[in-house]
Amino acid sequence: MADRFDCDNCKESLYGRKYIQSDDSPYCIPCYDSLFSNTCDECKELIGHDARELFYEDRHYHEHCFRCFRCDRSLADETFTICDQQSLTNSRCPTVCDQQSVSNSQCPTVFDQQKLEYSGSTWHEGCFICHSCEQPIGSKSFIPDKDLHYCVPCYEDKFAPRCARCKKTLAKGGVTYRDEPFHKECFVCTNCTTQLAGQHFTSREDSPYCLKCFGSLYAKKCEACSKPITGFGGGKYISFEDRQWHQPCFTCSQCSVSLVGAGFFPNDERILCRDCHTNL
């Protein structure tokens, strides 16, 4: 059976969908943005997870909204100063006020460009890095783990379960069989390798088989039609001594009347109804 993997907010399935992990809970992208995204102080719109966000003096901005109030030029990659009661100004604009800078508590370098803020802490863009690969996370999706941060590929490689068949990470969906995870495409019939996810199957000696292969390889054969007797799907069968019949196949060998629930008489390899046996 496939384990459920739903958004913690809207409860919709996350299989095959992009999601973001926050405080050990997964969220679909629309829910994550509505619950956790900051509002741009300039345009008053949400700053989505995939947008480049700038933070200054407890205010959040889209990259394109973080502009000089004099020349309207973006300050995302420019040095800037503050004047006229918190108005941001490109340092190259004329008639600027004294520059006021702030710095990351974990890095002595002055913030003269942009900075990133998460969970009450502030980083330079180059300082906010994946704990595993040590590459800047920037505006990419990331997953927090206690006080550490991981880019999605590193988190999946480090913490995601691995498929019992191919040994690769299992990041989205999958199938659990005997407490072991499988990719859906890796969970296949032991004999014919048909994918079994979402299909009826059975097992023998802990190995999964599709019903067709199991019936062909291991099931007993009906005395009348010689087809496998599996008992799957509610099918009933009759057993007498060391012989078996599908229920519809259990008929008198001479007149073909059904013997299900009726008395019958074995006659060598044949089975007969009462009337046919009497008339022998």
Protein backbone atom coordinates (compact mmCIF):
# COMPACT_ATOMS: atom_id res chain seq x y z
CA MET A 1 0.00 0.00 0.00
CA ALA A 2 1.21 3.56 -0.70
CA ASP A 3 1.74 5.76 2.39
CA ARG A 4 -0.28 9.00 2.44
CA PHE A 5 1.76 12.16 2.02
CA ASP A 6 -0.49 15.21 2.30
CA CYS A 7 -0.12 18.96 2.74
CA ASP A 8 -0.32 19.74 6.47
CA ASN A 9 -2.73 22.62 5.78
CA CYS A 10 -5.12 21.72 2.93
CA LYS A 11 -4.64 17.93 3.29
CA GLU A 12 -4.29 17.46 -0.48
CA SER A 13 -1.89 14.77 -1.67
CA LEU A 14 1.70 15.90 -2.35
CA TYR A 15 2.62 12.90 -4.51
CA GLY A 16 4.26 14.17 -7.67
CA ARG A 17 3.94 17.82 -6.53
CA LYS A 18 6.50 20.33 -5.40
CA TYR A 19 6.38 20.97 -1.67
CA ILE A 20 8.29 22.74 1.09
CA GLN A 21 9.06 21.31 4.54
CA SER A 22 8.59 23.67 7.47
CA ASP A 23 8.90 22.68 11.14
CA ASP A 24 8.84 18.99 10.17
CA SER A 25 5.55 19.44 8.26
CA PRO A 26 5.16 19.42 4.45
CA TYR A 27 3.14 22.09 2.65
CA CYS A 28 2.05 22.50 -0.95
CA ILE A 29 3.39 25.68 -2.53
CA PRO A 30 0.11 27.72 -2.39
CA CYS A 31 -0.39 26.88 1.31
CA TYR A 32 3.24 27.58 2.17
CA ASP A 33 3.13 30.99 0.51
CA SER A 34 -0.16 31.94 2.19
CA LEU A 35 0.99 30.78 5.64
CA PHE A 36 4.65 31.75 5.77
CA SER A 37 5.44 34.32 3.07
CA ASN A 38 6.11 37.90 4.12
CA THR A 39 4.22 40.87 2.67
CA CYS A 40 6.17 43.36 0.60
CA ASP A 41 6.29 46.69 2.42
CA GLU A 42 6.15 48.53 -0.91
CA CYS A 43 3.45 46.81 -3.00
CA LYS A 44 1.66 45.00 -0.11
CA GLU A 45 1.65 41.71 -2.06
CA LEU A 46 2.92 38.36 -0.73
CA ILE A 47 6.56 37.54 -1.49
CA GLY A 48 6.35 33.98 -2.83
CA HIS A 49 8.81 31.23 -1.96
CA ASP A 50 10.49 31.47 -5.36
CA ALA A 51 10.84 35.26 -5.34
CA ARG A 52 14.04 37.02 -4.35
CA GLU A 53 13.26 38.68 -1.02
CA LEU A 54 15.12 41.61 0.50
CA PHE A 55 14.86 42.56 4.15
CA TYR A 56 15.82 45.80 5.79
CA GLU A 57 14.89 47.32 9.17
CA ASP A 58 12.04 44.84 9.82
CA ARG A 59 10.62 45.51 6.36
CA HIS A 60 10.39 43.01 3.50
CA TYR A 61 10.55 43.75 -0.23
CA HIS A 62 10.34 42.07 -3.59
CA GLU A 63 13.56 42.56 -5.48
CA HIS A 64 11.85 44.89 -7.97
CA CYS A 65 10.18 46.87 -5.15
CA PHE A 66 13.42 47.64 -3.30
CA ARG A 67 14.13 50.92 -5.16
CA CYS A 68 15.75 54.28 -4.66
CA PHE A 69 13.06 56.86 -3.92
CA ARG A 70 14.98 59.46 -5.94
CA CYS A 71 15.87 57.71 -9.21
CA ASP A 72 13.59 54.64 -8.89
CA ARG A 73 16.56 52.37 -9.61
CA SER A 74 16.63 48.95 -7.99
CA LEU A 75 18.82 48.75 -4.88
CA ALA A 76 18.99 44.95 -4.89
CA ASP A 77 22.65 44.93 -5.92
CA GLU A 78 23.61 48.48 -5.04
CA THR A 79 24.98 50.22 -1.99
CA PHE A 80 22.42 52.52 -0.43
CA THR A 81 21.95 55.05 2.33
CA ILE A 82 19.00 56.20 4.42
CA CYS A 83 17.64 59.69 4.55
CA ASP A 84 14.36 61.55 4.82
CA GLN A 85 12.95 59.37 7.60
CA GLN A 86 13.88 55.88 6.44
CA SER A 87 13.69 56.52 2.68
CA LEU A 88 16.20 54.35 0.80
CA THR A 89 18.55 56.13 -1.58
CA ASN A 90 21.13 54.93 -4.07
CA SER A 91 24.52 56.07 -2.74
CA ARG A 92 25.36 57.41 -6.21
CA CYS A 93 22.34 59.73 -6.26
CA PRO A 94 23.07 63.40 -5.54
CA THR A 95 22.20 65.01 -2.20
CA VAL A 96 22.32 61.84 -0.09
CA CYS A 97 22.31 61.73 3.71
CA ASP A 98 24.76 60.01 6.02
CA GLN A 99 24.92 56.26 5.36
CA GLN A 100 23.56 54.00 8.08
CA SER A 101 24.49 50.33 7.74
CA VAL A 102 23.62 47.19 9.66
CA SER A 103 25.52 43.91 9.83
CA ASN A 104 24.78 40.21 10.26
CA SER A 105 25.27 39.14 13.87
CA GLN A 106 27.09 36.06 12.55
CA CYS A 107 29.27 37.95 10.05
CA PRO A 108 31.12 41.27 10.61
CA THR A 109 30.68 42.43 7.00
CA VAL A 110 28.44 45.48 6.65
CA PHE A 111 25.16 45.05 4.77
CA ASP A 112 25.70 47.41 1.88
CA GLN A 113 23.53 45.41 -0.53
CA GLN A 114 20.83 42.87 0.27
CA LYS A 115 20.25 40.51 3.13
CA LEU A 116 18.09 37.48 3.84
CA GLU A 117 15.91 36.95 6.88
CA TYR A 118 14.51 33.70 8.24
CA SER A 119 13.01 32.82 11.61
CA GLY A 120 14.14 36.07 13.23
CA SER A 121 17.77 35.87 12.03
CA THR A 122 19.51 37.75 9.25
CA TRP A 123 22.20 36.65 6.76
CA HIS A 124 24.11 38.04 3.82
CA GLU A 125 22.99 36.20 0.70
CA GLY A 126 26.37 34.45 0.50
CA CYS A 127 26.26 33.48 4.19
CA PHE A 128 22.92 31.67 4.06
CA ILE A 129 24.22 28.32 2.80
CA CYS A 130 23.27 24.65 2.75
CA HIS A 131 24.77 22.82 5.73
CA SER A 132 25.74 19.90 3.49
CA CYS A 133 27.05 21.25 0.17
CA GLU A 134 27.83 24.72 1.59
CA GLN A 135 26.41 26.43 -1.49
CA PRO A 136 24.34 29.64 -1.09
CA ILE A 137 20.63 28.89 -0.90
CA GLY A 138 19.52 32.31 -2.14
CA SER A 139 15.90 32.25 -3.27
CA LYS A 140 15.80 28.47 -3.79
CA SER A 141 13.60 26.20 -1.69
CA PHE A 142 15.24 24.84 1.44
CA ILE A 143 14.37 22.60 4.37
CA PRO A 144 15.21 23.51 7.98
CA ASP A 145 16.34 20.78 10.36
CA LYS A 146 16.67 22.10 13.91
CA ASP A 147 19.17 24.98 13.57
CA LEU A 148 20.54 23.80 10.22
CA HIS A 149 19.36 24.50 6.68
CA TYR A 150 19.60 22.20 3.66
CA CYS A 151 18.92 22.71 -0.02
CA VAL A 152 16.27 20.26 -1.21
CA PRO A 153 18.65 17.90 -3.11
CA CYS A 154 21.01 17.59 -0.12
CA TYR A 155 18.16 17.05 2.33
CA GLU A 156 16.65 14.32 0.18
CA ASP A 157 20.04 12.65 -0.28
CA LYS A 158 20.77 12.78 3.46
CA PHE A 159 17.40 12.04 5.04
CA ALA A 160 14.98 10.66 2.44
CA PRO A 161 14.39 6.86 2.55
CA ARG A 162 16.04 4.75 -0.14
CA CYS A 163 14.25 2.35 -2.45
CA ALA A 164 14.82 -1.26 -1.41
CA ARG A 165 15.34 -2.25 -5.04
CA CYS A 166 17.39 0.49 -6.75
CA LYS A 167 18.83 2.03 -3.54
CA LYS A 168 18.17 5.56 -4.81
CA THR A 169 16.46 8.19 -2.66
CA LEU A 170 12.68 8.09 -2.46
CA ALA A 171 11.62 11.73 -2.40
CA LYS A 172 8.08 11.70 -3.83
CA GLY A 173 5.50 9.05 -3.10
CA GLY A 174 6.27 5.37 -3.34
CA VAL A 175 5.05 2.00 -2.13
CA THR A 176 5.67 0.24 1.16
CA TYR A 177 5.93 -3.56 1.07
CA ARG A 178 6.87 -5.55 4.18
CA ASP A 179 8.01 -2.32 5.88
CA GLU A 180 10.40 -1.48 3.03
CA PRO A 181 9.98 1.53 0.66
CA PHE A 182 9.99 1.24 -3.12
CA HIS A 183 9.65 3.64 -6.02
CA LYS A 184 6.35 2.84 -7.76
CA GLU A 185 8.25 1.87 -10.89
CA CYS A 186 10.57 -0.39 -8.85
CA PHE A 187 7.82 -2.40 -7.15
CA VAL A 188 7.33 -5.10 -9.78
CA CYS A 189 6.31 -8.73 -10.19
CA THR A 190 9.22 -11.06 -9.36
CA ASN A 191 8.56 -13.08 -12.50
CA CYS A 192 7.46 -10.74 -15.30
CA THR A 193 8.52 -7.33 -13.80
CA THR A 194 5.07 -5.80 -14.38
CA GLN A 195 4.55 -2.80 -12.07
CA LEU A 196 2.37 -3.77 -9.11
CA ALA A 197 1.60 -0.33 -7.62
CA GLY A 198 -2.19 0.08 -7.55
CA GLN A 199 -2.72 -3.52 -8.75
CA HIS A 200 -3.84 -6.68 -6.97
CA PHE A 201 -0.90 -8.93 -6.21
CA THR A 202 0.11 -11.75 -3.90
CA SER A 203 3.37 -13.06 -2.53
CA ARG A 204 5.30 -16.27 -2.12
CA GLU A 205 8.31 -16.54 0.19
CA ASP A 206 8.22 -12.74 0.68
CA SER A 207 8.45 -12.08 -3.08
CA PRO A 208 5.56 -10.22 -4.80
CA TYR A 209 3.85 -11.66 -7.89
CA CYS A 210 1.10 -10.41 -10.15
CA LEU A 211 -1.96 -12.66 -10.07
CA LYS A 212 -1.34 -13.99 -13.57
CA CYS A 213 2.21 -15.12 -12.81
CA PHE A 214 1.28 -16.53 -9.43
CA GLY A 215 -1.52 -18.56 -10.95
CA SER A 216 0.70 -19.82 -13.75
CA LEU A 217 3.62 -20.72 -11.50
CA TYR A 218 2.09 -21.93 -8.26
CA ALA A 219 -1.71 -22.32 -8.36
CA LYS A 220 -3.38 -25.72 -8.75
CA LYS A 221 -5.26 -26.37 -11.98
CA CYS A 222 -8.98 -26.96 -12.39
CA GLU A 223 -9.78 -30.59 -13.31
CA ALA A 224 -12.33 -29.43 -15.87
CA CYS A 225 -10.79 -26.42 -17.65
CA SER A 226 -7.11 -26.81 -16.63
CA LYS A 227 -6.89 -23.11 -15.77
CA PRO A 228 -5.27 -21.97 -12.48
CA ILE A 229 -7.40 -21.83 -9.35
CA THR A 230 -6.28 -18.75 -7.43
CA GLY A 231 -9.25 -17.94 -5.20
CA PHE A 232 -8.63 -14.20 -5.80
CA GLY A 233 -11.37 -11.70 -6.47
CA GLY A 234 -13.96 -13.71 -4.53
CA GLY A 235 -13.73 -16.75 -6.81
CA LYS A 236 -14.88 -19.98 -5.14
CA TYR A 237 -13.69 -23.48 -5.84
CA ILE A 238 -14.49 -27.09 -4.94
CA SER A 239 -11.91 -29.53 -3.56
CA PHE A 240 -12.34 -33.31 -3.45
CA GLU A 241 -9.50 -35.57 -2.40
CA ASP A 242 -6.50 -34.26 -4.36
CA ARG A 243 -8.53 -32.59 -7.11
CA GLN A 244 -9.95 -29.07 -7.44
CA TRP A 245 -12.54 -27.38 -9.65
CA HIS A 246 -13.69 -23.84 -10.21
CA GLN A 247 -17.21 -23.68 -8.85
CA PRO A 248 -18.80 -23.17 -12.32
CA CYS A 249 -16.72 -26.09 -13.63
CA PHE A 250 -17.93 -28.55 -11.00
CA THR A 251 -20.53 -30.35 -13.14
CA CYS A 252 -21.57 -33.89 -13.94
CA SER A 253 -19.14 -35.43 -16.42
CA GLN A 254 -22.04 -36.95 -18.36
CA CYS A 255 -24.97 -34.50 -18.36
CA SER A 256 -23.13 -31.31 -17.29
CA VAL A 257 -25.62 -30.43 -14.55
CA SER A 258 -24.06 -28.37 -11.74
CA LEU A 259 -23.03 -30.45 -8.74
CA VAL A 260 -22.43 -27.46 -6.42
CA GLY A 261 -24.35 -28.13 -3.19
CA ALA A 262 -25.63 -31.48 -4.53
CA GLY A 263 -24.62 -35.07 -3.98
CA PHE A 264 -22.24 -36.61 -6.51
CA PHE A 265 -20.54 -39.93 -7.17
CA PRO A 266 -16.90 -40.35 -8.22
CA ASN A 267 -16.44 -42.80 -11.10
CA ASP A 268 -12.77 -43.27 -11.88
CA GLU A 269 -11.70 -39.84 -13.20
CA ARG A 270 -15.29 -38.72 -13.67
CA ILE A 271 -17.84 -37.25 -11.26
CA LEU A 272 -21.51 -38.04 -11.80
CA CYS A 273 -24.82 -36.73 -10.57
CA ARG A 274 -27.19 -39.10 -8.83
CA ASP A 275 -29.35 -39.73 -11.94
CA CYS A 276 -26.39 -40.48 -14.25
CA HIS A 277 -24.83 -42.74 -11.67
CA THR A 278 -28.14 -44.65 -11.27
CA ASN A 279 -28.44 -45.14 -15.02
CA LEU A 280 -25.00 -46.69 -15.44
